[in-house]
Amino acid sequence: MVYDPVACAVVVDVRKVLPGRGAHLHPSERCLTEALRRRAIGRALRRTGSDGNPVVDPEQVWRVWRTAVPAGSDSAADRA
């Protein structure tokens, strides 16, 4: 995932060619849930609000993630 300043949103960079800081995430709902809970995506992308806390729109990140990750592609660790 990369923050796209033109779209003012987080986008999935499948080909890994977009400029800027990226955040790697396993194709697992559990990993995404945990990363959003911990605000790890905002920290990784260095997106901070006026109070200095990492900020990304969780709903927007979920929408982007769902379009990029095929349904049922959770990792083996999630199925265990």
Protein backbone atom coordinates (compact mmCIF):
# COMPACT_ATOMS: atom_id res chain seq x y z
CA MET A 1 0.00 0.00 0.00
CA VAL A 2 1.16 3.51 -0.80
CA TYR A 3 -0.35 6.93 -0.11
CA ASP A 4 -1.27 8.61 -3.40
CA PRO A 5 -1.16 12.40 -2.92
CA VAL A 6 -3.07 13.00 -6.18
CA ALA A 7 -6.01 10.83 -5.06
CA CYS A 8 -5.46 11.78 -1.38
CA ALA A 9 -5.94 8.12 -0.53
CA VAL A 10 -4.16 4.89 0.22
CA VAL A 11 -3.81 2.68 -2.87
CA VAL A 12 -2.52 -0.84 -3.43
CA ASP A 13 0.70 -0.86 -5.44
CA VAL A 14 0.67 -4.41 -6.80
CA ARG A 15 3.53 -3.79 -9.22
CA LYS A 16 5.54 -1.91 -6.55
CA VAL A 17 6.32 1.02 -8.84
CA LEU A 18 4.51 3.97 -7.25
CA PRO A 19 6.64 6.62 -5.55
CA GLY A 20 6.56 7.20 -1.83
CA ARG A 21 6.71 5.11 1.31
CA GLY A 22 5.02 1.74 1.15
CA ALA A 23 3.44 -0.53 3.72
CA HIS A 24 3.61 -4.29 3.15
CA LEU A 25 0.60 -6.26 4.34
CA HIS A 26 -0.16 -9.98 4.13
CA PRO A 27 -3.30 -10.84 2.13
CA SER A 28 -5.15 -11.65 5.34
CA GLU A 29 -8.15 -9.94 6.92
CA ARG A 30 -6.68 -10.65 10.34
CA CYS A 31 -3.45 -8.84 9.43
CA LEU A 32 -5.35 -5.84 8.07
CA THR A 33 -7.61 -5.67 11.13
CA GLU A 34 -4.60 -5.76 13.44
CA ALA A 35 -2.66 -3.18 11.39
CA LEU A 36 -5.61 -0.77 11.48
CA ARG A 37 -6.17 -1.35 15.20
CA ARG A 38 -2.51 -0.60 15.91
CA ARG A 39 -2.49 2.36 13.46
CA ALA A 40 0.50 0.69 11.81
CA ILE A 41 -0.47 1.63 8.25
CA GLY A 42 -0.57 5.33 9.07
CA ARG A 43 2.82 5.08 10.80
CA ALA A 44 4.36 3.10 7.93
CA LEU A 45 3.13 5.62 5.37
CA ARG A 46 4.01 8.54 7.68
CA ARG A 47 0.49 9.97 7.43
CA THR A 48 -0.17 12.00 10.58
CA GLY A 49 -2.98 14.25 11.70
CA SER A 50 -2.68 17.66 13.33
CA ASP A 51 -2.29 15.95 16.72
CA GLY A 52 0.69 13.92 15.48
CA ASN A 53 -1.14 10.56 15.55
CA PRO A 54 -0.98 8.29 12.49
CA VAL A 55 -4.04 8.80 10.31
CA VAL A 56 -5.54 6.81 7.48
CA ASP A 57 -9.23 6.26 6.74
CA PRO A 58 -9.91 2.65 7.81
CA GLU A 59 -13.02 2.36 5.62
CA GLN A 60 -11.07 3.56 2.58
CA VAL A 61 -8.25 1.12 3.33
CA TRP A 62 -10.74 -1.78 3.60
CA ARG A 63 -12.31 -0.82 0.25
CA VAL A 64 -8.91 -0.72 -1.44
CA TRP A 65 -7.81 -3.97 0.19
CA ARG A 66 -10.99 -5.81 -0.87
CA THR A 67 -10.55 -4.79 -4.50
CA ALA A 68 -6.90 -5.92 -4.53
CA VAL A 69 -7.08 -9.16 -2.53
CA PRO A 70 -9.18 -12.00 -3.94
CA ALA A 71 -11.87 -13.39 -1.64
CA GLY A 72 -10.77 -16.43 0.31
CA SER A 73 -7.06 -15.65 0.04
CA ASP A 74 -6.37 -15.56 3.78
CA SER A 75 -3.02 -17.02 4.69
CA ALA A 76 -2.61 -20.51 6.13
CA ALA A 77 -2.03 -18.98 9.57
CA ASP A 78 -5.56 -17.54 9.51
CA ARG A 79 -7.09 -20.91 8.66
CA ALA A 80 -5.28 -22.68 11.51
